[in-house]
Amino acid sequence: MENLRFYEVGIWTEENSPVKEKIKEFFVEILEEKILKEHPKFGRLYYFLGYIDKNRVKDLEKFLSTSNQVRQFIIVKKKEKVKKQQELSLEEKLNEILKT
């Protein structure tokens, strides 16, 4: 339990990509999972929030960077579990970027 860290992960991937299910294997516990955006050319923007063992984060990063089905990704480590009203989440930041 001491190696668990709180992370947000965002990925652009193809609509029916198996990558989404593979990413779930890296999480010990997923607290939130959403599709933030769908685009005919770029696929879907997925958002995950949950706990990952800190020793597996490098493996997740390597997997995402070498996958030909992932167009872009971001991994954000949170210092602690925060309340939604206290801090802009990755989900909100991505939504703000998509508006511009």
C-alpha atoms as a PDB file:
ATOM      1  CA  MET A   1       0.000   0.000   0.000  1.00  0.00           C
ATOM      2  CA  GLU A   2       2.935   2.355   0.651  1.00  0.00           C
ATOM      3  CA  ASN A   3       3.973   2.326  -3.014  1.00  0.00           C
ATOM      4  CA  LEU A   4       0.579   3.471  -4.290  1.00  0.00           C
ATOM      5  CA  ARG A   5       0.393   6.944  -5.769  1.00  0.00           C
ATOM      6  CA  PHE A   6      -2.554   8.942  -7.063  1.00  0.00           C
ATOM      7  CA  TYR A   7      -2.442   9.598 -10.844  1.00  0.00           C
ATOM      8  CA  GLU A   8      -4.447  11.107 -13.670  1.00  0.00           C
ATOM      9  CA  VAL A   9      -3.877   9.668 -17.151  1.00  0.00           C
ATOM     10  CA  GLY A  10      -5.191  11.054 -20.422  1.00  0.00           C
ATOM     11  CA  ILE A  11      -4.793   9.383 -23.845  1.00  0.00           C
ATOM     12  CA  TRP A  12      -5.928   9.951 -27.417  1.00  0.00           C
ATOM     13  CA  THR A  13      -6.500   6.595 -29.066  1.00  0.00           C
ATOM     14  CA  GLU A  14      -8.546   4.930 -31.773  1.00  0.00           C
ATOM     15  CA  GLU A  15     -12.212   4.364 -31.056  1.00  0.00           C
ATOM     16  CA  ASN A  16     -12.105   0.575 -30.630  1.00  0.00           C
ATOM     17  CA  SER A  17      -8.528   0.291 -29.404  1.00  0.00           C
ATOM     18  CA  PRO A  18      -7.614  -2.456 -26.904  1.00  0.00           C
ATOM     19  CA  VAL A  19      -5.170   0.022 -25.315  1.00  0.00           C
ATOM     20  CA  LYS A  20      -7.882   1.273 -22.960  1.00  0.00           C
ATOM     21  CA  GLU A  21      -8.256  -2.159 -21.365  1.00  0.00           C
ATOM     22  CA  LYS A  22      -4.479  -2.624 -21.172  1.00  0.00           C
ATOM     23  CA  ILE A  23      -4.089   0.694 -19.314  1.00  0.00           C
ATOM     24  CA  LYS A  24      -6.572  -0.486 -16.679  1.00  0.00           C
ATOM     25  CA  GLU A  25      -4.151  -3.306 -15.795  1.00  0.00           C
ATOM     26  CA  PHE A  26      -1.611  -0.737 -14.551  1.00  0.00           C
ATOM     27  CA  PHE A  27      -4.067   0.721 -12.029  1.00  0.00           C
ATOM     28  CA  VAL A  28      -4.564  -0.864  -8.624  1.00  0.00           C
ATOM     29  CA  GLU A  29      -7.833   1.033  -8.277  1.00  0.00           C
ATOM     30  CA  ILE A  30      -9.629   3.236 -10.807  1.00  0.00           C
ATOM     31  CA  LEU A  31     -11.778   5.920  -9.213  1.00  0.00           C
ATOM     32  CA  GLU A  32     -12.959   7.560 -12.417  1.00  0.00           C
ATOM     33  CA  GLU A  33     -12.934   6.747 -16.128  1.00  0.00           C
ATOM     34  CA  LYS A  34     -14.451   8.928 -18.843  1.00  0.00           C
ATOM     35  CA  ILE A  35     -14.462   9.693 -22.526  1.00  0.00           C
ATOM     36  CA  LEU A  36     -13.804  13.437 -22.649  1.00  0.00           C
ATOM     37  CA  LYS A  37     -13.957  13.954 -26.397  1.00  0.00           C
ATOM     38  CA  GLU A  38     -14.684  12.045 -29.595  1.00  0.00           C
ATOM     39  CA  HIS A  39     -13.156  13.142 -32.872  1.00  0.00           C
ATOM     40  CA  PRO A  40     -13.620  11.488 -36.297  1.00  0.00           C
ATOM     41  CA  LYS A  41      -9.915  11.786 -37.133  1.00  0.00           C
ATOM     42  CA  PHE A  42      -8.185  11.431 -33.758  1.00  0.00           C
ATOM     43  CA  GLY A  43     -10.473   8.909 -32.044  1.00  0.00           C
ATOM     44  CA  ARG A  44     -11.325   9.276 -28.367  1.00  0.00           C
ATOM     45  CA  LEU A  45      -9.766  11.194 -25.514  1.00  0.00           C
ATOM     46  CA  TYR A  46      -9.916   8.935 -22.451  1.00  0.00           C
ATOM     47  CA  TYR A  47      -9.397  10.087 -18.872  1.00  0.00           C
ATOM     48  CA  PHE A  48      -8.463   7.830 -15.951  1.00  0.00           C
ATOM     49  CA  LEU A  49      -8.099   8.740 -12.284  1.00  0.00           C
ATOM     50  CA  GLY A  50      -6.835   6.311  -9.695  1.00  0.00           C
ATOM     51  CA  TYR A  51      -3.994   4.610  -7.853  1.00  0.00           C
ATOM     52  CA  ILE A  52      -0.931   3.116  -9.542  1.00  0.00           C
ATOM     53  CA  ASP A  53       2.020   1.397  -7.878  1.00  0.00           C
ATOM     54  CA  LYS A  54       4.913   3.845  -8.264  1.00  0.00           C
ATOM     55  CA  ASN A  55       7.118   1.012  -9.579  1.00  0.00           C
ATOM     56  CA  ARG A  56       4.744   0.462 -12.528  1.00  0.00           C
ATOM     57  CA  VAL A  57       4.517   4.076 -13.738  1.00  0.00           C
ATOM     58  CA  LYS A  58       7.658   3.779 -15.899  1.00  0.00           C
ATOM     59  CA  ASP A  59       6.207   0.606 -17.443  1.00  0.00           C
ATOM     60  CA  LEU A  60       2.966   2.450 -18.210  1.00  0.00           C
ATOM     61  CA  GLU A  61       4.884   5.347 -19.767  1.00  0.00           C
ATOM     62  CA  LYS A  62       6.954   2.954 -21.891  1.00  0.00           C
ATOM     63  CA  PHE A  63       3.831   1.074 -22.991  1.00  0.00           C
ATOM     64  CA  LEU A  64       2.030   4.271 -24.009  1.00  0.00           C
ATOM     65  CA  SER A  65       5.040   5.742 -25.815  1.00  0.00           C
ATOM     66  CA  THR A  66       5.673   2.592 -27.852  1.00  0.00           C
ATOM     67  CA  SER A  67       2.054   1.779 -28.705  1.00  0.00           C
ATOM     68  CA  ASN A  68       1.171   2.613 -32.296  1.00  0.00           C
ATOM     69  CA  GLN A  69      -2.484   3.013 -31.239  1.00  0.00           C
ATOM     70  CA  VAL A  70      -1.832   5.895 -28.814  1.00  0.00           C
ATOM     71  CA  ARG A  71      -1.582   9.269 -30.515  1.00  0.00           C
ATOM     72  CA  GLN A  72      -0.815  11.331 -27.395  1.00  0.00           C
ATOM     73  CA  PHE A  73      -0.785  10.764 -23.663  1.00  0.00           C
ATOM     74  CA  ILE A  74      -0.184  12.549 -20.388  1.00  0.00           C
ATOM     75  CA  ILE A  75       0.452  11.147 -16.910  1.00  0.00           C
ATOM     76  CA  VAL A  76       0.054  13.484 -13.927  1.00  0.00           C
ATOM     77  CA  LYS A  77       1.066  12.481 -10.403  1.00  0.00           C
ATOM     78  CA  LYS A  78      -1.081  14.038  -7.700  1.00  0.00           C
ATOM     79  CA  LYS A  79       0.449  14.726  -4.282  1.00  0.00           C
ATOM     80  CA  GLU A  80      -2.623  13.419  -2.538  1.00  0.00           C
ATOM     81  CA  LYS A  81      -6.249  12.767  -3.216  1.00  0.00           C
ATOM     82  CA  VAL A  82      -7.798  16.194  -3.712  1.00  0.00           C
ATOM     83  CA  LYS A  83     -11.373  17.367  -3.694  1.00  0.00           C
ATOM     84  CA  LYS A  84     -12.661  18.457  -7.087  1.00  0.00           C
ATOM     85  CA  GLN A  85     -13.415  22.003  -5.971  1.00  0.00           C
ATOM     86  CA  GLN A  86      -9.905  22.539  -4.554  1.00  0.00           C
ATOM     87  CA  GLU A  87      -7.874  22.145  -7.733  1.00  0.00           C
ATOM     88  CA  LEU A  88      -8.387  22.015 -11.471  1.00  0.00           C
ATOM     89  CA  SER A  89      -8.122  18.401 -12.490  1.00  0.00           C
ATOM     90  CA  LEU A  90      -6.493  17.076 -15.633  1.00  0.00           C
ATOM     91  CA  GLU A  91     -10.000  16.519 -16.978  1.00  0.00           C
ATOM     92  CA  GLU A  92     -10.859  20.212 -16.596  1.00  0.00           C
ATOM     93  CA  LYS A  93      -7.517  21.310 -18.056  1.00  0.00           C
ATOM     94  CA  LEU A  94      -7.982  19.070 -21.101  1.00  0.00           C
ATOM     95  CA  ASN A  95     -11.513  20.390 -21.565  1.00  0.00           C
ATOM     96  CA  GLU A  96     -10.190  23.980 -21.441  1.00  0.00           C
ATOM     97  CA  ILE A  97      -7.569  23.139 -24.083  1.00  0.00           C
ATOM     98  CA  LEU A  98     -10.204  21.535 -26.298  1.00  0.00           C
ATOM     99  CA  LYS A  99     -12.300  24.724 -26.189  1.00  0.00           C
ATOM    100  CA  THR A 100      -9.493  26.786 -27.758  1.00  0.00           C
END
